């Protein structure tokens, strides 16, 4: 009998371990290069998700379109993106999308960069202007054109991803493009290219969020823990700026100085401001406005009422 006890205990231990592994299946989250999303990477690298008792695995992709595609194809459970990708994704999946975190508001970080000979957007009438299709870039472009009493028909719209926008602006094959750090950091070093419009001119309209599949049925307690890990990353950066910024800048393969410059034009939303931020998005009709803009640009097929019913803001106290 005594000889059997260790084996029995071993089986119990293995069974228990299997149960734990099933329960700890990671919630996967797609991110792409952007200073605000880097705090999620920092939270993973410093073990903050683990410390609060949740298992989150960051999957790094190259663009917002890549993140959206991974999310809608079920290769990730969540995505960090702008509201434009959330609205678009709502038309591609058969379950709700839960917006669980407001990452930041762009306050000058998203920009339109043009060849230096153009003074403002009015000078771009009939010219080639690029943006990433179906992304917040087209929303920024539409809002910028409206700022000058123009619309998308006043320009020659070119659909390109971010790396192609950088390459074609440098080659002179397009006249302007919508971009953001770290891509805009590369372009701002070039002679003959300049910024002619920024999101600071349309405050509160460009919002980044973290969304998850509604069928995951993440509890309010889980989302609170996610917020706590997010705040731990923000607090750590405040206390240890050199180390934190070094980790995040290194991940984006840019200098610490470049990373800090890109962050200057971004308003990060702390954990204690999440509910207020969600309320502002709701009250301002930000998602609805984004949806209408994407509809005008034919970036979505379904009507906005249908899409908005599939998007839920997860405000937690």
Protein backbone atom coordinates (compact mmCIF):
# COMPACT_ATOMS: atom_id res chain seq x y z
CA UNK A 1 0.00 0.00 0.00
CA UNK A 2 2.77 2.37 0.89
CA UNK A 3 4.42 1.77 -2.48
CA UNK A 4 1.25 2.85 -4.29
CA UNK A 5 0.83 6.18 -2.50
CA UNK A 6 3.52 8.14 -4.38
CA UNK A 7 2.09 7.05 -7.74
CA UNK A 8 -1.41 7.97 -6.65
CA UNK A 9 -0.23 11.32 -5.42
CA UNK A 10 1.62 11.85 -8.70
CA UNK A 11 -1.53 11.15 -10.71
CA UNK A 12 -3.49 13.59 -8.56
CA UNK A 13 -0.80 16.20 -9.04
CA UNK A 14 -0.76 15.70 -12.81
CA UNK A 15 -4.54 15.89 -12.98
CA UNK A 16 -4.51 19.06 -10.93
CA UNK A 17 -1.81 20.52 -13.17
CA UNK A 18 -3.83 19.77 -16.31
CA UNK A 19 -6.86 21.49 -14.81
CA UNK A 20 -4.79 24.56 -13.99
CA UNK A 21 -3.34 24.71 -17.48
CA UNK A 22 -6.82 24.58 -19.00
CA UNK A 23 -7.99 27.36 -16.69
CA UNK A 24 -4.91 29.44 -17.48
CA UNK A 25 -5.27 29.34 -21.25
CA UNK A 26 -3.97 32.76 -22.30
CA UNK A 27 -6.19 35.50 -23.63
CA UNK A 28 -4.30 36.58 -26.75
CA UNK A 29 -4.12 40.25 -27.70
CA UNK A 30 -2.87 41.65 -31.02
CA UNK A 31 -0.94 44.91 -30.98
CA UNK A 32 0.83 46.90 -33.70
CA UNK A 33 3.43 49.70 -33.53
CA UNK A 34 2.04 52.66 -31.56
CA UNK A 35 3.31 54.32 -28.39
CA UNK A 36 0.05 53.78 -26.48
CA UNK A 37 -0.04 50.04 -27.19
CA UNK A 38 3.52 49.64 -25.94
CA UNK A 39 2.30 49.86 -22.33
CA UNK A 40 0.49 46.57 -22.91
CA UNK A 41 3.77 45.06 -24.09
CA UNK A 42 5.49 46.55 -21.02
CA UNK A 43 2.85 44.99 -18.74
CA UNK A 44 3.63 41.60 -20.26
CA UNK A 45 7.41 42.00 -20.13
CA UNK A 46 7.39 43.06 -16.47
CA UNK A 47 4.93 40.33 -15.46
CA UNK A 48 2.11 42.66 -14.41
CA UNK A 49 -0.65 40.55 -15.94
CA UNK A 50 0.66 37.56 -14.03
CA UNK A 51 0.89 39.57 -10.80
CA UNK A 52 -2.79 40.52 -10.93
CA UNK A 53 -3.79 36.93 -11.69
CA UNK A 54 -4.69 36.94 -15.39
CA UNK A 55 -2.96 35.27 -18.34
CA UNK A 56 -2.58 37.65 -21.28
CA UNK A 57 -0.28 36.96 -24.23
CA UNK A 58 0.67 39.82 -26.52
CA UNK A 59 0.99 39.01 -30.22
CA UNK A 60 2.94 41.61 -32.13
CA UNK A 61 1.80 42.44 -35.67
CA UNK A 62 2.96 45.03 -38.17
CA UNK A 63 -0.13 47.17 -38.77
CA UNK A 64 -3.66 47.91 -37.58
CA UNK A 65 -4.98 45.96 -40.56
CA UNK A 66 -2.94 42.93 -39.48
CA UNK A 67 -4.31 43.16 -35.94
CA UNK A 68 -7.88 43.45 -37.18
CA UNK A 69 -7.42 40.51 -39.53
CA UNK A 70 -5.99 38.31 -36.76
CA UNK A 71 -8.91 39.27 -34.51
CA UNK A 72 -11.69 38.71 -37.04
CA UNK A 73 -10.17 35.42 -38.20
CA UNK A 74 -10.11 34.13 -34.61
CA UNK A 75 -6.32 33.97 -34.38
CA UNK A 76 -6.39 36.34 -31.38
CA UNK A 77 -8.98 36.97 -28.68
CA UNK A 78 -8.54 40.72 -28.68
CA UNK A 79 -6.90 43.64 -30.44
CA UNK A 80 -5.51 47.05 -29.63
CA UNK A 81 -6.79 49.40 -32.31
CA UNK A 82 -8.64 52.57 -33.08
CA UNK A 83 -12.44 52.62 -33.05
CA UNK A 84 -12.41 52.37 -36.85
CA UNK A 85 -11.07 48.82 -36.70
CA UNK A 86 -13.65 47.94 -34.03
CA UNK A 87 -16.52 49.16 -36.21
CA UNK A 88 -15.18 47.33 -39.24
CA UNK A 89 -14.63 44.13 -37.27
CA UNK A 90 -18.24 44.24 -36.07
CA UNK A 91 -19.30 43.59 -39.64
CA UNK A 92 -16.96 40.61 -40.04
CA UNK A 93 -17.78 38.44 -37.02
CA UNK A 94 -20.93 36.85 -35.65
CA UNK A 95 -20.61 37.83 -31.99
CA UNK A 96 -20.37 41.00 -29.94
CA UNK A 97 -17.18 42.99 -29.49
CA UNK A 98 -16.48 44.24 -25.97
CA UNK A 99 -14.43 47.43 -25.66
CA UNK A 100 -12.60 46.85 -22.36
CA UNK A 101 -10.01 49.64 -22.16
CA UNK A 102 -9.58 53.14 -23.54
CA UNK A 103 -5.87 53.39 -24.29
CA UNK A 104 -5.47 57.00 -25.34
CA UNK A 105 -6.72 60.01 -27.25
CA UNK A 106 -4.52 61.21 -30.08
CA UNK A 107 -3.71 64.87 -29.59
CA UNK A 108 -1.39 65.54 -32.48
CA UNK A 109 0.23 62.12 -32.89
CA UNK A 110 -1.81 61.17 -35.98
CA UNK A 111 -0.78 63.39 -38.85
CA UNK A 112 -1.06 64.10 -42.55
CA UNK A 113 2.39 64.51 -44.08
CA UNK A 114 2.87 65.92 -47.56
CA UNK A 115 5.52 66.93 -50.03
CA UNK A 116 6.93 70.25 -48.83
CA UNK A 117 5.51 72.27 -51.75
CA UNK A 118 1.95 71.91 -50.37
CA UNK A 119 0.93 74.50 -47.78
CA UNK A 120 -2.26 72.84 -46.48
CA UNK A 121 -4.98 70.38 -47.49
CA UNK A 122 -6.61 72.89 -49.84
CA UNK A 123 -3.51 72.68 -52.00
CA UNK A 124 -4.01 68.92 -52.30
CA UNK A 125 -7.18 69.19 -54.37
CA UNK A 126 -6.98 66.57 -57.13
CA UNK A 127 -3.71 65.21 -55.69
CA UNK A 128 -2.83 61.68 -54.53
CA UNK A 129 -3.41 61.28 -50.79
CA UNK A 130 -2.90 57.88 -49.14
CA UNK A 131 -4.32 56.26 -46.01
CA UNK A 132 -4.58 52.72 -44.70
CA UNK A 133 -8.00 51.50 -45.93
CA UNK A 134 -10.66 50.88 -43.31
CA UNK A 135 -8.50 52.32 -40.54
CA UNK A 136 -8.63 55.41 -38.36
CA UNK A 137 -6.44 56.99 -41.04
CA UNK A 138 -9.40 57.37 -43.37
CA UNK A 139 -11.45 58.84 -40.50
CA UNK A 140 -8.70 61.38 -39.81
CA UNK A 141 -8.45 62.18 -43.52
CA UNK A 142 -12.21 62.66 -43.85
CA UNK A 143 -12.31 64.89 -40.74
CA UNK A 144 -9.31 66.88 -41.95
CA UNK A 145 -10.91 67.47 -45.34
CA UNK A 146 -14.16 68.55 -43.66
CA UNK A 147 -12.09 70.99 -41.57
CA UNK A 148 -11.31 72.72 -44.87
CA UNK A 149 -14.85 72.31 -46.28
CA UNK A 150 -13.67 69.53 -48.60
CA UNK A 151 -14.51 65.86 -48.93
CA UNK A 152 -12.92 62.66 -50.20
CA UNK A 153 -14.04 63.43 -53.78
CA UNK A 154 -11.79 66.50 -53.81
CA UNK A 155 -8.65 64.35 -53.75
CA UNK A 156 -7.39 61.21 -55.46
CA UNK A 157 -7.56 58.68 -52.61
CA UNK A 158 -4.88 55.97 -52.60
CA UNK A 159 -5.22 52.91 -50.33
CA UNK A 160 -1.83 51.93 -48.86
CA UNK A 161 -0.54 50.37 -45.64
CA UNK A 162 1.85 52.32 -43.42
CA UNK A 163 5.18 51.00 -44.78
CA UNK A 164 4.03 51.73 -48.34
CA UNK A 165 2.97 55.28 -47.38
CA UNK A 166 6.49 55.93 -46.06
CA UNK A 167 8.12 54.45 -49.16
CA UNK A 168 5.90 56.23 -51.69
CA UNK A 169 6.11 59.62 -49.98
CA UNK A 170 9.89 59.33 -50.14
CA UNK A 171 9.72 58.25 -53.77
CA UNK A 172 7.40 61.15 -54.63
CA UNK A 173 4.76 58.86 -56.13
CA UNK A 174 2.07 60.19 -53.75
CA UNK A 175 1.55 63.78 -52.65
CA UNK A 176 0.51 63.17 -49.04
CA UNK A 177 -0.35 60.41 -46.59
CA UNK A 178 -1.95 59.81 -43.20
CA UNK A 179 0.52 58.34 -40.73
CA UNK A 180 1.59 58.15 -37.07
CA UNK A 181 4.63 57.21 -34.95
CA UNK A 182 6.91 55.37 -35.41
CA UNK A 183 6.32 55.74 -39.18
CA UNK A 184 5.93 59.53 -39.01
CA UNK A 185 9.20 59.70 -37.04
CA UNK A 186 10.98 58.27 -40.06
CA UNK A 187 9.37 60.78 -42.43
CA UNK A 188 9.97 63.82 -40.24
CA UNK A 189 13.71 63.31 -40.72
CA UNK A 190 13.38 63.80 -44.47
CA UNK A 191 14.01 67.09 -46.22
CA UNK A 192 11.21 67.94 -48.63
CA UNK A 193 8.43 66.41 -46.55
CA UNK A 194 6.38 68.19 -43.87
CA UNK A 195 3.37 67.82 -41.59
CA UNK A 196 0.33 69.82 -42.74
CA UNK A 197 -2.43 68.52 -40.41
CA UNK A 198 -2.57 66.83 -36.99
CA UNK A 199 -5.22 65.23 -34.80
CA UNK A 200 -4.79 68.15 -32.35
CA UNK A 201 -6.96 70.14 -34.76
CA UNK A 202 -9.87 67.71 -34.20
CA UNK A 203 -9.58 66.97 -30.44
CA UNK A 204 -11.25 63.87 -29.01
CA UNK A 205 -12.06 62.26 -32.36
CA UNK A 206 -9.15 59.81 -32.65
CA UNK A 207 -9.41 57.20 -29.88
CA UNK A 208 -7.46 53.97 -29.31
CA UNK A 209 -9.00 51.08 -27.39
CA UNK A 210 -8.54 47.41 -26.46
CA UNK A 211 -11.38 45.12 -27.51
CA UNK A 212 -12.13 41.43 -26.90
CA UNK A 213 -14.45 38.85 -28.40
CA UNK A 214 -17.78 38.98 -26.58
CA UNK A 215 -18.09 35.21 -26.60
CA UNK A 216 -15.09 34.99 -24.25
CA UNK A 217 -17.49 36.15 -21.54
CA UNK A 218 -14.75 37.95 -19.63
CA UNK A 219 -15.99 38.80 -16.15
CA UNK A 220 -16.08 42.29 -14.68
CA UNK A 221 -13.46 41.08 -12.19
CA UNK A 222 -11.15 40.02 -15.05
CA UNK A 223 -11.48 43.42 -16.72
CA UNK A 224 -10.72 45.16 -13.41
CA UNK A 225 -7.54 43.11 -13.16
CA UNK A 226 -6.66 44.02 -16.74
CA UNK A 227 -7.09 47.69 -15.84
CA UNK A 228 -4.88 47.19 -12.78
CA UNK A 229 -2.08 45.67 -14.88
CA UNK A 230 -2.42 48.59 -17.34
CA UNK A 231 -2.09 51.07 -14.47
CA UNK A 232 0.93 49.22 -13.13
CA UNK A 233 2.64 49.77 -16.49
CA UNK A 234 1.78 53.49 -16.42
CA UNK A 235 3.00 53.81 -12.80
CA UNK A 236 6.21 51.92 -13.51
CA UNK A 237 6.99 54.28 -16.37
CA UNK A 238 6.44 57.24 -14.06
CA UNK A 239 8.80 55.80 -11.43
CA UNK A 240 11.39 54.27 -13.76
CA UNK A 241 11.19 56.29 -17.01
CA UNK A 242 14.62 55.39 -18.40
CA UNK A 243 14.09 51.64 -18.05
CA UNK A 244 10.44 51.61 -19.15
CA UNK A 245 10.95 53.89 -22.13
CA UNK A 246 14.00 51.89 -23.13
CA UNK A 247 11.97 48.67 -23.20
CA UNK A 248 9.14 50.20 -25.22
CA UNK A 249 11.38 52.13 -27.63
CA UNK A 250 13.51 49.04 -28.17
CA UNK A 251 10.40 47.04 -29.00
CA UNK A 252 9.46 49.60 -31.66
CA UNK A 253 13.07 49.74 -32.85
CA UNK A 254 13.30 53.50 -32.42
CA UNK A 255 15.35 55.67 -30.08
CA UNK A 256 14.11 56.60 -26.62
CA UNK A 257 13.99 60.24 -27.75
CA UNK A 258 11.79 59.36 -30.72
CA UNK A 259 9.50 57.31 -28.50
CA UNK A 260 9.12 60.16 -26.02
CA UNK A 261 8.37 62.64 -28.81
CA UNK A 262 5.61 60.39 -30.17
CA UNK A 263 4.13 60.03 -26.69
CA UNK A 264 4.03 63.79 -26.14
CA UNK A 265 1.07 64.04 -28.52
CA UNK A 266 -0.91 61.22 -26.91
CA UNK A 267 -3.19 61.44 -23.86
CA UNK A 268 -2.99 58.09 -22.06
CA UNK A 269 -6.08 57.12 -20.05
CA UNK A 270 -5.37 55.86 -16.52
CA UNK A 271 -7.38 53.09 -14.84
CA UNK A 272 -9.32 55.51 -12.63
CA UNK A 273 -10.43 57.49 -15.71
CA UNK A 274 -11.69 54.50 -17.70
CA UNK A 275 -15.35 54.85 -16.80
CA UNK A 276 -15.31 58.58 -17.55
CA UNK A 277 -13.60 57.92 -20.90
CA UNK A 278 -16.21 55.31 -21.83
CA UNK A 279 -18.97 57.75 -20.89
CA UNK A 280 -17.44 60.45 -23.10
CA UNK A 281 -17.25 58.05 -26.05
CA UNK A 282 -20.89 57.17 -25.49
CA UNK A 283 -22.14 60.72 -24.96
CA UNK A 284 -20.21 62.17 -27.91
CA UNK A 285 -21.41 59.42 -30.21
CA UNK A 286 -17.80 58.82 -31.21
CA UNK A 287 -18.39 55.25 -32.41
CA UNK A 288 -21.47 56.28 -34.39
CA UNK A 289 -19.57 59.17 -36.02
CA UNK A 290 -16.73 56.81 -36.91
CA UNK A 291 -19.22 54.37 -38.40
CA UNK A 292 -20.90 57.04 -40.52
CA UNK A 293 -17.54 58.20 -41.85
CA UNK A 294 -16.54 54.64 -42.79
CA UNK A 295 -19.94 54.23 -44.45
CA UNK A 296 -19.44 57.32 -46.60
CA UNK A 297 -16.06 55.98 -47.65
CA UNK A 298 -17.60 52.56 -48.42
CA UNK A 299 -15.28 50.87 -45.91
CA UNK A 300 -18.23 49.02 -44.36
CA UNK A 301 -21.21 47.27 -45.93
CA UNK A 302 -23.74 46.92 -43.11
CA UNK A 303 -25.76 49.81 -41.70
CA UNK A 304 -24.44 51.54 -38.60
CA UNK A 305 -27.37 50.61 -36.38
CA UNK A 306 -26.63 46.92 -36.90
CA UNK A 307 -22.91 47.38 -36.25
CA UNK A 308 -23.38 49.53 -33.15
CA UNK A 309 -25.59 46.85 -31.59
CA UNK A 310 -22.62 44.46 -31.79
CA UNK A 311 -20.25 46.79 -29.89
CA UNK A 312 -20.47 46.98 -26.10
CA UNK A 313 -18.55 49.41 -23.91
CA UNK A 314 -17.47 47.54 -20.77
CA UNK A 315 -17.49 50.30 -18.14
CA UNK A 316 -16.46 48.96 -14.71
CA UNK A 317 -16.38 50.72 -11.37
